[in-house]
mmCIF file of all heavy atoms, coordinates in Angstrom:
data_MODEL
# 
_entry.id   MODEL 
# 
loop_
_atom_site.group_PDB 
_atom_site.id 
_atom_site.type_symbol 
_atom_site.label_atom_id 
_atom_site.label_alt_id 
_atom_site.label_comp_id 
_atom_site.label_asym_id 
_atom_site.label_entity_id 
_atom_site.label_seq_id 
_atom_site.pdbx_PDB_ins_code 
_atom_site.Cartn_x 
_atom_site.Cartn_y 
_atom_site.Cartn_z 
_atom_site.occupancy 
_atom_site.B_iso_or_equiv 
_atom_site.pdbx_formal_charge 
_atom_site.auth_seq_id 
_atom_site.auth_comp_id 
_atom_site.auth_asym_id 
_atom_site.auth_atom_id 
_atom_site.pdbx_PDB_model_num 
ATOM 1   N N   . PRO A 1 1  ? -80.522 -110.814 -152.488 1.00 0.00 ? 1  PRO A N   1 
ATOM 2   C CA  . PRO A 1 1  ? -79.216 -111.405 -152.806 1.00 0.00 ? 1  PRO A CA  1 
ATOM 3   C C   . PRO A 1 1  ? -79.331 -112.644 -153.685 1.00 0.00 ? 1  PRO A C   1 
ATOM 4   O O   . PRO A 1 1  ? -78.406 -112.971 -154.432 1.00 0.00 ? 1  PRO A O   1 
ATOM 5   C CB  . PRO A 1 1  ? -78.621 -111.741 -151.436 1.00 0.00 ? 1  PRO A CB  1 
ATOM 6   C CG  . PRO A 1 1  ? -79.760 -111.736 -150.492 1.00 0.00 ? 1  PRO A CG  1 
ATOM 7   C CD  . PRO A 1 1  ? -80.735 -110.758 -151.032 1.00 0.00 ? 1  PRO A CD  1 
ATOM 8   N N   . PHE A 1 2  ? -80.453 -113.345 -153.606 1.00 0.00 ? 2  PHE A N   1 
ATOM 9   C CA  . PHE A 1 2  ? -80.682 -114.466 -154.510 1.00 0.00 ? 2  PHE A CA  1 
ATOM 10  C C   . PHE A 1 2  ? -80.724 -113.971 -155.955 1.00 0.00 ? 2  PHE A C   1 
ATOM 11  O O   . PHE A 1 2  ? -80.115 -114.562 -156.847 1.00 0.00 ? 2  PHE A O   1 
ATOM 12  C CB  . PHE A 1 2  ? -81.987 -115.165 -154.132 1.00 0.00 ? 2  PHE A CB  1 
ATOM 13  C CG  . PHE A 1 2  ? -82.336 -116.347 -154.997 1.00 0.00 ? 2  PHE A CG  1 
ATOM 14  C CD1 . PHE A 1 2  ? -81.402 -117.316 -155.295 1.00 0.00 ? 2  PHE A CD1 1 
ATOM 15  C CD2 . PHE A 1 2  ? -83.616 -116.488 -155.514 1.00 0.00 ? 2  PHE A CD2 1 
ATOM 16  C CE1 . PHE A 1 2  ? -81.719 -118.408 -156.091 1.00 0.00 ? 2  PHE A CE1 1 
ATOM 17  C CE2 . PHE A 1 2  ? -83.950 -117.569 -156.318 1.00 0.00 ? 2  PHE A CE2 1 
ATOM 18  C CZ  . PHE A 1 2  ? -82.997 -118.531 -156.602 1.00 0.00 ? 2  PHE A CZ  1 
ATOM 19  N N   . ALA A 1 3  ? -81.412 -112.869 -156.195 1.00 0.00 ? 3  ALA A N   1 
ATOM 20  C CA  . ALA A 1 3  ? -81.450 -112.277 -157.539 1.00 0.00 ? 3  ALA A CA  1 
ATOM 21  C C   . ALA A 1 3  ? -80.057 -111.841 -157.981 1.00 0.00 ? 3  ALA A C   1 
ATOM 22  O O   . ALA A 1 3  ? -79.660 -112.035 -159.136 1.00 0.00 ? 3  ALA A O   1 
ATOM 23  C CB  . ALA A 1 3  ? -82.408 -111.086 -157.561 1.00 0.00 ? 3  ALA A CB  1 
ATOM 24  N N   . ALA A 1 4  ? -79.293 -111.253 -157.052 1.00 0.00 ? 4  ALA A N   1 
ATOM 25  C CA  . ALA A 1 4  ? -77.934 -110.819 -157.384 1.00 0.00 ? 4  ALA A CA  1 
ATOM 26  C C   . ALA A 1 4  ? -77.040 -112.006 -157.728 1.00 0.00 ? 4  ALA A C   1 
ATOM 27  O O   . ALA A 1 4  ? -76.173 -111.919 -158.600 1.00 0.00 ? 4  ALA A O   1 
ATOM 28  C CB  . ALA A 1 4  ? -77.343 -110.037 -156.207 1.00 0.00 ? 4  ALA A CB  1 
ATOM 29  N N   . THR A 1 5  ? -77.254 -113.120 -157.073 1.00 0.00 ? 5  THR A N   1 
ATOM 30  C CA  . THR A 1 5  ? -76.469 -114.323 -157.344 1.00 0.00 ? 5  THR A CA  1 
ATOM 31  C C   . THR A 1 5  ? -76.793 -114.900 -158.718 1.00 0.00 ? 5  THR A C   1 
ATOM 32  O O   . THR A 1 5  ? -75.905 -115.386 -159.429 1.00 0.00 ? 5  THR A O   1 
ATOM 33  C CB  . THR A 1 5  ? -76.748 -115.379 -156.254 1.00 0.00 ? 5  THR A CB  1 
ATOM 34  O OG1 . THR A 1 5  ? -76.335 -114.852 -154.992 1.00 0.00 ? 5  THR A OG1 1 
ATOM 35  C CG2 . THR A 1 5  ? -75.994 -116.666 -156.518 1.00 0.00 ? 5  THR A CG2 1 
ATOM 36  N N   . LEU A 1 6  ? -78.053 -114.820 -159.119 1.00 0.00 ? 6  LEU A N   1 
ATOM 37  C CA  . LEU A 1 6  ? -78.455 -115.339 -160.422 1.00 0.00 ? 6  LEU A CA  1 
ATOM 38  C C   . LEU A 1 6  ? -77.933 -114.492 -161.579 1.00 0.00 ? 6  LEU A C   1 
ATOM 39  O O   . LEU A 1 6  ? -77.746 -114.995 -162.686 1.00 0.00 ? 6  LEU A O   1 
ATOM 40  C CB  . LEU A 1 6  ? -79.986 -115.414 -160.501 1.00 0.00 ? 6  LEU A CB  1 
ATOM 41  C CG  . LEU A 1 6  ? -80.673 -116.419 -159.566 1.00 0.00 ? 6  LEU A CG  1 
ATOM 42  C CD1 . LEU A 1 6  ? -82.189 -116.254 -159.654 1.00 0.00 ? 6  LEU A CD1 1 
ATOM 43  C CD2 . LEU A 1 6  ? -80.276 -117.845 -159.905 1.00 0.00 ? 6  LEU A CD2 1 
ATOM 44  N N   . ALA A 1 7  ? -77.690 -113.192 -161.333 1.00 0.00 ? 7  ALA A N   1 
ATOM 45  C CA  . ALA A 1 7  ? -77.327 -112.266 -162.405 1.00 0.00 ? 7  ALA A CA  1 
ATOM 46  C C   . ALA A 1 7  ? -75.832 -112.321 -162.714 1.00 0.00 ? 7  ALA A C   1 
ATOM 47  O O   . ALA A 1 7  ? -75.011 -112.688 -161.870 1.00 0.00 ? 7  ALA A O   1 
ATOM 48  C CB  . ALA A 1 7  ? -77.726 -110.854 -162.023 1.00 0.00 ? 7  ALA A CB  1 
ATOM 49  N N   . ASP A 1 8  ? -75.489 -111.922 -163.945 1.00 0.00 ? 8  ASP A N   1 
ATOM 50  C CA  . ASP A 1 8  ? -74.090 -111.772 -164.345 1.00 0.00 ? 8  ASP A CA  1 
ATOM 51  C C   . ASP A 1 8  ? -73.549 -110.436 -163.845 1.00 0.00 ? 8  ASP A C   1 
ATOM 52  O O   . ASP A 1 8  ? -74.316 -109.509 -163.542 1.00 0.00 ? 8  ASP A O   1 
ATOM 53  C CB  . ASP A 1 8  ? -73.960 -111.813 -165.867 1.00 0.00 ? 8  ASP A CB  1 
ATOM 54  C CG  . ASP A 1 8  ? -74.280 -113.185 -166.444 1.00 0.00 ? 8  ASP A CG  1 
ATOM 55  O OD1 . ASP A 1 8  ? -74.261 -114.168 -165.674 1.00 0.00 ? 8  ASP A OD1 1 
ATOM 56  O OD2 . ASP A 1 8  ? -74.568 -113.263 -167.654 1.00 0.00 ? 8  ASP A OD2 1 
ATOM 57  N N   . ASP A 1 9  ? -72.210 -110.304 -163.859 1.00 0.00 ? 9  ASP A N   1 
ATOM 58  C CA  . ASP A 1 9  ? -71.591 -109.046 -163.442 1.00 0.00 ? 9  ASP A CA  1 
ATOM 59  C C   . ASP A 1 9  ? -72.032 -107.871 -164.315 1.00 0.00 ? 9  ASP A C   1 
ATOM 60  O O   . ASP A 1 9  ? -72.192 -106.756 -163.827 1.00 0.00 ? 9  ASP A O   1 
ATOM 61  C CB  . ASP A 1 9  ? -70.060 -109.159 -163.508 1.00 0.00 ? 9  ASP A CB  1 
ATOM 62  C CG  . ASP A 1 9  ? -69.502 -110.005 -162.372 1.00 0.00 ? 9  ASP A CG  1 
ATOM 63  O OD1 . ASP A 1 9  ? -70.230 -110.237 -161.398 1.00 0.00 ? 9  ASP A OD1 1 
ATOM 64  O OD2 . ASP A 1 9  ? -68.333 -110.432 -162.482 1.00 0.00 ? 9  ASP A OD2 1 
ATOM 65  N N   . ARG A 1 10 ? -72.247 -108.123 -165.595 1.00 0.00 ? 10 ARG A N   1 
ATOM 66  C CA  . ARG A 1 10 ? -72.530 -107.026 -166.529 1.00 0.00 ? 10 ARG A CA  1 
ATOM 67  C C   . ARG A 1 10 ? -73.857 -106.341 -166.258 1.00 0.00 ? 10 ARG A C   1 
ATOM 68  O O   . ARG A 1 10 ? -74.039 -105.165 -166.609 1.00 0.00 ? 10 ARG A O   1 
ATOM 69  C CB  . ARG A 1 10 ? -72.506 -107.531 -167.977 1.00 0.00 ? 10 ARG A CB  1 
ATOM 70  C CG  . ARG A 1 10 ? -73.603 -108.545 -168.288 1.00 0.00 ? 10 ARG A CG  1 
ATOM 71  C CD  . ARG A 1 10 ? -73.622 -108.943 -169.758 1.00 0.00 ? 10 ARG A CD  1 
ATOM 72  N NE  . ARG A 1 10 ? -74.579 -110.004 -170.016 1.00 0.00 ? 10 ARG A NE  1 
ATOM 73  C CZ  . ARG A 1 10 ? -75.885 -109.809 -170.183 1.00 0.00 ? 10 ARG A CZ  1 
ATOM 74  N NH1 . ARG A 1 10 ? -76.365 -108.584 -170.116 1.00 0.00 ? 10 ARG A NH1 1 
ATOM 75  N NH2 . ARG A 1 10 ? -76.690 -110.830 -170.421 1.00 0.00 ? 10 ARG A NH2 1 
ATOM 76  N N   . ASP A 1 11 ? -74.820 -107.034 -165.650 1.00 0.00 ? 11 ASP A N   1 
ATOM 77  C CA  . ASP A 1 11 ? -76.126 -106.402 -165.436 1.00 0.00 ? 11 ASP A CA  1 
ATOM 78  C C   . ASP A 1 11 ? -76.678 -106.656 -164.032 1.00 0.00 ? 11 ASP A C   1 
ATOM 79  O O   . ASP A 1 11 ? -77.869 -106.564 -163.818 1.00 0.00 ? 11 ASP A O   1 
ATOM 80  C CB  . ASP A 1 11 ? -77.137 -106.868 -166.491 1.00 0.00 ? 11 ASP A CB  1 
ATOM 81  C CG  . ASP A 1 11 ? -77.480 -108.353 -166.396 1.00 0.00 ? 11 ASP A CG  1 
ATOM 82  O OD1 . ASP A 1 11 ? -76.878 -109.060 -165.565 1.00 0.00 ? 11 ASP A OD1 1 
ATOM 83  O OD2 . ASP A 1 11 ? -78.358 -108.804 -167.144 1.00 0.00 ? 11 ASP A OD2 1 
ATOM 84  N N   . ARG A 1 12 ? -75.781 -106.926 -163.088 1.00 0.00 ? 12 ARG A N   1 
ATOM 85  C CA  . ARG A 1 12 ? -76.248 -107.200 -161.731 1.00 0.00 ? 12 ARG A CA  1 
ATOM 86  C C   . ARG A 1 12 ? -76.975 -105.995 -161.140 1.00 0.00 ? 12 ARG A C   1 
ATOM 87  O O   . ARG A 1 12 ? -78.019 -106.128 -160.491 1.00 0.00 ? 12 ARG A O   1 
ATOM 88  C CB  . ARG A 1 12 ? -75.080 -107.610 -160.827 1.00 0.00 ? 12 ARG A CB  1 
ATOM 89  C CG  . ARG A 1 12 ? -75.520 -107.986 -159.417 1.00 0.00 ? 12 ARG A CG  1 
ATOM 90  C CD  . ARG A 1 12 ? -74.417 -108.675 -158.636 1.00 0.00 ? 12 ARG A CD  1 
ATOM 91  N NE  . ARG A 1 12 ? -74.168 -110.003 -159.164 1.00 0.00 ? 12 ARG A NE  1 
ATOM 92  C CZ  . ARG A 1 12 ? -73.040 -110.359 -159.780 1.00 0.00 ? 12 ARG A CZ  1 
ATOM 93  N NH1 . ARG A 1 12 ? -72.053 -109.491 -159.934 1.00 0.00 ? 12 ARG A NH1 1 
ATOM 94  N NH2 . ARG A 1 12 ? -72.884 -111.576 -160.253 1.00 0.00 ? 12 ARG A NH2 1 
ATOM 95  N N   . GLY A 1 13 ? -76.446 -104.798 -161.376 1.00 0.00 ? 13 GLY A N   1 
ATOM 96  C CA  . GLY A 1 13 ? -77.110 -103.603 -160.877 1.00 0.00 ? 13 GLY A CA  1 
ATOM 97  C C   . GLY A 1 13 ? -78.491 -103.429 -161.463 1.00 0.00 ? 13 GLY A C   1 
ATOM 98  O O   . GLY A 1 13 ? -79.432 -103.023 -160.771 1.00 0.00 ? 13 GLY A O   1 
ATOM 99  N N   . ARG A 1 14 ? -78.642 -103.766 -162.742 1.00 0.00 ? 14 ARG A N   1 
ATOM 100 C CA  . ARG A 1 14 ? -79.947 -103.620 -163.393 1.00 0.00 ? 14 ARG A CA  1 
ATOM 101 C C   . ARG A 1 14 ? -80.942 -104.643 -162.848 1.00 0.00 ? 14 ARG A C   1 
ATOM 102 O O   . ARG A 1 14 ? -82.108 -104.318 -162.595 1.00 0.00 ? 14 ARG A O   1 
ATOM 103 C CB  . ARG A 1 14 ? -79.784 -103.790 -164.911 1.00 0.00 ? 14 ARG A CB  1 
ATOM 104 C CG  . ARG A 1 14 ? -81.010 -103.426 -165.721 1.00 0.00 ? 14 ARG A CG  1 
ATOM 105 C CD  . ARG A 1 14 ? -80.666 -102.934 -167.120 1.00 0.00 ? 14 ARG A CD  1 
ATOM 106 N NE  . ARG A 1 14 ? -79.890 -103.893 -167.875 1.00 0.00 ? 14 ARG A NE  1 
ATOM 107 C CZ  . ARG A 1 14 ? -80.344 -104.526 -168.981 1.00 0.00 ? 14 ARG A CZ  1 
ATOM 108 N NH1 . ARG A 1 14 ? -81.570 -104.315 -169.400 1.00 0.00 ? 14 ARG A NH1 1 
ATOM 109 N NH2 . ARG A 1 14 ? -79.565 -105.343 -169.631 1.00 0.00 ? 14 ARG A NH2 1 
ATOM 110 N N   . VAL A 1 15 ? -80.507 -105.902 -162.684 1.00 0.00 ? 15 VAL A N   1 
ATOM 111 C CA  . VAL A 1 15 ? -81.397 -106.934 -162.150 1.00 0.00 ? 15 VAL A CA  1 
ATOM 112 C C   . VAL A 1 15 ? -81.838 -106.578 -160.728 1.00 0.00 ? 15 VAL A C   1 
ATOM 113 O O   . VAL A 1 15 ? -83.026 -106.628 -160.392 1.00 0.00 ? 15 VAL A O   1 
ATOM 114 C CB  . VAL A 1 15 ? -80.713 -108.315 -162.174 1.00 0.00 ? 15 VAL A CB  1 
ATOM 115 C CG1 . VAL A 1 15 ? -81.514 -109.342 -161.389 1.00 0.00 ? 15 VAL A CG1 1 
ATOM 116 C CG2 . VAL A 1 15 ? -80.538 -108.789 -163.612 1.00 0.00 ? 15 VAL A CG2 1 
ATOM 117 N N   . VAL A 1 16 ? -80.870 -106.202 -159.884 1.00 0.00 ? 16 VAL A N   1 
ATOM 118 C CA  . VAL A 1 16 ? -81.211 -105.805 -158.525 1.00 0.00 ? 16 VAL A CA  1 
ATOM 119 C C   . VAL A 1 16 ? -82.136 -104.591 -158.553 1.00 0.00 ? 16 VAL A C   1 
ATOM 120 O O   . VAL A 1 16 ? -83.086 -104.490 -157.772 1.00 0.00 ? 16 VAL A O   1 
ATOM 121 C CB  . VAL A 1 16 ? -79.933 -105.509 -157.712 1.00 0.00 ? 16 VAL A CB  1 
ATOM 122 C CG1 . VAL A 1 16 ? -80.271 -104.842 -156.375 1.00 0.00 ? 16 VAL A CG1 1 
ATOM 123 C CG2 . VAL A 1 16 ? -79.152 -106.793 -157.466 1.00 0.00 ? 16 VAL A CG2 1 
ATOM 124 N N   . GLY A 1 17 ? -81.890 -103.666 -159.476 1.00 0.00 ? 17 GLY A N   1 
ATOM 125 C CA  . GLY A 1 17 ? -82.743 -102.494 -159.601 1.00 0.00 ? 17 GLY A CA  1 
ATOM 126 C C   . GLY A 1 17 ? -84.179 -102.852 -159.930 1.00 0.00 ? 17 GLY A C   1 
ATOM 127 O O   . GLY A 1 17 ? -85.120 -102.293 -159.357 1.00 0.00 ? 17 GLY A O   1 
ATOM 128 N N   . TYR A 1 18 ? -84.365 -103.803 -160.853 1.00 0.00 ? 18 TYR A N   1 
ATOM 129 C CA  . TYR A 1 18 ? -85.727 -104.211 -161.213 1.00 0.00 ? 18 TYR A CA  1 
ATOM 130 C C   . TYR A 1 18 ? -86.428 -104.907 -160.047 1.00 0.00 ? 18 TYR A C   1 
ATOM 131 O O   . TYR A 1 18 ? -87.624 -104.688 -159.813 1.00 0.00 ? 18 TYR A O   1 
ATOM 132 C CB  . TYR A 1 18 ? -85.698 -105.130 -162.434 1.00 0.00 ? 18 TYR A CB  1 
ATOM 133 C CG  . TYR A 1 18 ? -85.384 -104.415 -163.730 1.00 0.00 ? 18 TYR A CG  1 
ATOM 134 C CD1 . TYR A 1 18 ? -84.604 -105.020 -164.716 1.00 0.00 ? 18 TYR A CD1 1 
ATOM 135 C CD2 . TYR A 1 18 ? -85.857 -103.141 -163.968 1.00 0.00 ? 18 TYR A CD2 1 
ATOM 136 C CE1 . TYR A 1 18 ? -84.309 -104.375 -165.898 1.00 0.00 ? 18 TYR A CE1 1 
ATOM 137 C CE2 . TYR A 1 18 ? -85.565 -102.485 -165.147 1.00 0.00 ? 18 TYR A CE2 1 
ATOM 138 C CZ  . TYR A 1 18 ? -84.792 -103.101 -166.112 1.00 0.00 ? 18 TYR A CZ  1 
ATOM 139 O OH  . TYR A 1 18 ? -84.510 -102.446 -167.283 1.00 0.00 ? 18 TYR A OH  1 
ATOM 140 N N   . VAL A 1 19 ? -85.707 -105.759 -159.331 1.00 0.00 ? 19 VAL A N   1 
ATOM 141 C CA  . VAL A 1 19 ? -86.304 -106.407 -158.163 1.00 0.00 ? 19 VAL A CA  1 
ATOM 142 C C   . VAL A 1 19 ? -86.641 -105.358 -157.102 1.00 0.00 ? 19 VAL A C   1 
ATOM 143 O O   . VAL A 1 19 ? -87.692 -105.398 -156.460 1.00 0.00 ? 19 VAL A O   1 
ATOM 144 C CB  . VAL A 1 19 ? -85.362 -107.487 -157.591 1.00 0.00 ? 19 VAL A CB  1 
ATOM 145 C CG1 . VAL A 1 19 ? -85.905 -108.049 -156.289 1.00 0.00 ? 19 VAL A CG1 1 
ATOM 146 C CG2 . VAL A 1 19 ? -85.186 -108.611 -158.608 1.00 0.00 ? 19 VAL A CG2 1 
ATOM 147 N N   . MET A 1 20 ? -85.760 -104.370 -156.964 1.00 0.00 ? 20 MET A N   1 
ATOM 148 C CA  . MET A 1 20 ? -86.012 -103.287 -156.021 1.00 0.00 ? 20 MET A CA  1 
ATOM 149 C C   . MET A 1 20 ? -87.209 -102.432 -156.431 1.00 0.00 ? 20 MET A C   1 
ATOM 150 O O   . MET A 1 20 ? -87.852 -101.805 -155.580 1.00 0.00 ? 20 MET A O   1 
ATOM 151 C CB  . MET A 1 20 ? -84.768 -102.411 -155.896 1.00 0.00 ? 20 MET A CB  1 
ATOM 152 C CG  . MET A 1 20 ? -83.662 -103.030 -155.070 1.00 0.00 ? 20 MET A CG  1 
ATOM 153 S SD  . MET A 1 20 ? -84.138 -103.257 -153.340 1.00 0.00 ? 20 MET A SD  1 
ATOM 154 C CE  . MET A 1 20 ? -84.408 -101.565 -152.854 1.00 0.00 ? 20 MET A CE  1 
ATOM 155 N N   . THR A 1 21 ? -87.523 -102.401 -157.743 1.00 0.00 ? 21 THR A N   1 
ATOM 156 C CA  . THR A 1 21 ? -88.736 -101.696 -158.173 1.00 0.00 ? 21 THR A CA  1 
ATOM 157 C C   . THR A 1 21 ? -89.957 -102.292 -157.485 1.00 0.00 ? 21 THR A C   1 
ATOM 158 O O   . THR A 1 21 ? -90.823 -101.573 -156.986 1.00 0.00 ? 21 THR A O   1 
ATOM 159 C CB  . THR A 1 21 ? -88.911 -101.790 -159.702 1.00 0.00 ? 21 THR A CB  1 
ATOM 160 O OG1 . THR A 1 21 ? -87.810 -101.135 -160.350 1.00 0.00 ? 21 THR A OG1 1 
ATOM 161 C CG2 . THR A 1 21 ? -90.211 -101.130 -160.154 1.00 0.00 ? 21 THR A CG2 1 
ATOM 162 N N   . GLY A 1 22 ? -90.027 -103.625 -157.442 1.00 0.00 ? 22 GLY A N   1 
ATOM 163 C CA  . GLY A 1 22 ? -91.128 -104.281 -156.750 1.00 0.00 ? 22 GLY A CA  1 
ATOM 164 C C   . GLY A 1 22 ? -91.139 -103.952 -155.273 1.00 0.00 ? 22 GLY A C   1 
ATOM 165 O O   . GLY A 1 22 ? -92.198 -103.666 -154.691 1.00 0.00 ? 22 GLY A O   1 
ATOM 166 N N   . LEU A 1 23 ? -89.957 -103.963 -154.656 1.00 0.00 ? 23 LEU A N   1 
ATOM 167 C CA  . LEU A 1 23 ? -89.887 -103.661 -153.237 1.00 0.00 ? 23 LEU A CA  1 
ATOM 168 C C   . LEU A 1 23 ? -90.345 -102.232 -152.960 1.00 0.00 ? 23 LEU A C   1 
ATOM 169 O O   . LEU A 1 23 ? -91.110 -101.974 -152.023 1.00 0.00 ? 23 LEU A O   1 
ATOM 170 C CB  . LEU A 1 23 ? -88.459 -103.885 -152.741 1.00 0.00 ? 23 LEU A CB  1 
ATOM 171 C CG  . LEU A 1 23 ? -88.240 -103.762 -151.227 1.00 0.00 ? 23 LEU A CG  1 
ATOM 172 C CD1 . LEU A 1 23 ? -87.212 -104.797 -150.761 1.00 0.00 ? 23 LEU A CD1 1 
ATOM 173 C CD2 . LEU A 1 23 ? -87.744 -102.367 -150.870 1.00 0.00 ? 23 LEU A CD2 1 
ATOM 174 N N   . LEU A 1 24 ? -89.896 -101.286 -153.792 1.00 0.00 ? 24 LEU A N   1 
ATOM 175 C CA  . LEU A 1 24 ? -90.275 -99.894  -153.582 1.00 0.00 ? 24 LEU A CA  1 
ATOM 176 C C   . LEU A 1 24 ? -91.754 -99.663  -153.854 1.00 0.00 ? 24 LEU A C   1 
ATOM 177 O O   . LEU A 1 24 ? -92.412 -98.894  -153.149 1.00 0.00 ? 24 LEU A O   1 
ATOM 178 C CB  . LEU A 1 24 ? -89.417 -98.988  -154.466 1.00 0.00 ? 24 LEU A CB  1 
ATOM 179 C CG  . LEU A 1 24 ? -87.942 -98.916  -154.057 1.00 0.00 ? 24 LEU A CG  1 
ATOM 180 C CD1 . LEU A 1 24 ? -87.120 -98.244  -155.147 1.00 0.00 ? 24 LEU A CD1 1 
ATOM 181 C CD2 . LEU A 1 24 ? -87.787 -98.164  -152.739 1.00 0.00 ? 24 LEU A CD2 1 
ATOM 182 N N   . LEU A 1 25 ? -92.290 -100.337 -154.869 1.00 0.00 ? 25 LEU A N   1 
ATOM 183 C CA  . LEU A 1 25 ? -93.726 -100.222 -155.123 1.00 0.00 ? 25 LEU A CA  1 
ATOM 184 C C   . LEU A 1 25 ? -94.524 -100.757 -153.936 1.00 0.00 ? 25 LEU A C   1 
ATOM 185 O O   . LEU A 1 25 ? -95.554 -100.181 -153.550 1.00 0.00 ? 25 LEU A O   1 
ATOM 186 C CB  . LEU A 1 25 ? -94.106 -100.973 -156.398 1.00 0.00 ? 25 LEU A CB  1 
ATOM 187 C CG  . LEU A 1 25 ? -93.758 -100.285 -157.716 1.00 0.00 ? 25 LEU A CG  1 
ATOM 188 C CD1 . LEU A 1 25 ? -94.030 -101.214 -158.894 1.00 0.00 ? 25 LEU A CD1 1 
ATOM 189 C CD2 . LEU A 1 25 ? -94.560 -98.987  -157.879 1.00 0.00 ? 25 LEU A CD2 1 
ATOM 190 N N   . GLY A 1 26 ? -94.050 -101.848 -153.352 1.00 0.00 ? 26 GLY A N   1 
ATOM 191 C CA  . GLY A 1 26 ? -94.713 -102.375 -152.167 1.00 0.00 ? 26 GLY A CA  1 
ATOM 192 C C   . GLY A 1 26 ? -94.658 -101.388 -151.015 1.00 0.00 ? 26 GLY A C   1 
ATOM 193 O O   . GLY A 1 26 ? -95.650 -101.177 -150.307 1.00 0.00 ? 26 GLY A O   1 
ATOM 194 N N   . THR A 1 27 ? -93.504 -100.741 -150.838 1.00 0.00 ? 27 THR A N   1 
ATOM 195 C CA  . THR A 1 27 ? -93.357 -99.748  -149.786 1.00 0.00 ? 27 THR A CA  1 
ATOM 196 C C   . THR A 1 27 ? -94.323 -98.583  -149.983 1.00 0.00 ? 27 THR A C   1 
ATOM 197 O O   . THR A 1 27 ? -94.998 -98.139  -149.048 1.00 0.00 ? 27 THR A O   1 
ATOM 198 C CB  . THR A 1 27 ? -91.910 -99.216  -149.756 1.00 0.00 ? 27 THR A CB  1 
ATOM 199 O OG1 . THR A 1 27 ? -91.016 -100.306 -149.552 1.00 0.00 ? 27 THR A OG1 1 
ATOM 200 C CG2 . THR A 1 27 ? -91.719 -98.193  -148.653 1.00 0.00 ? 27 THR A CG2 1 
# 
């Protein structure tokens, strides 16, 4: 949610998606 807060509305899904890439790779 910190990443989502930093992002703009236009690319919030993309920013969260990239951060989630790290989470999924860790998983």
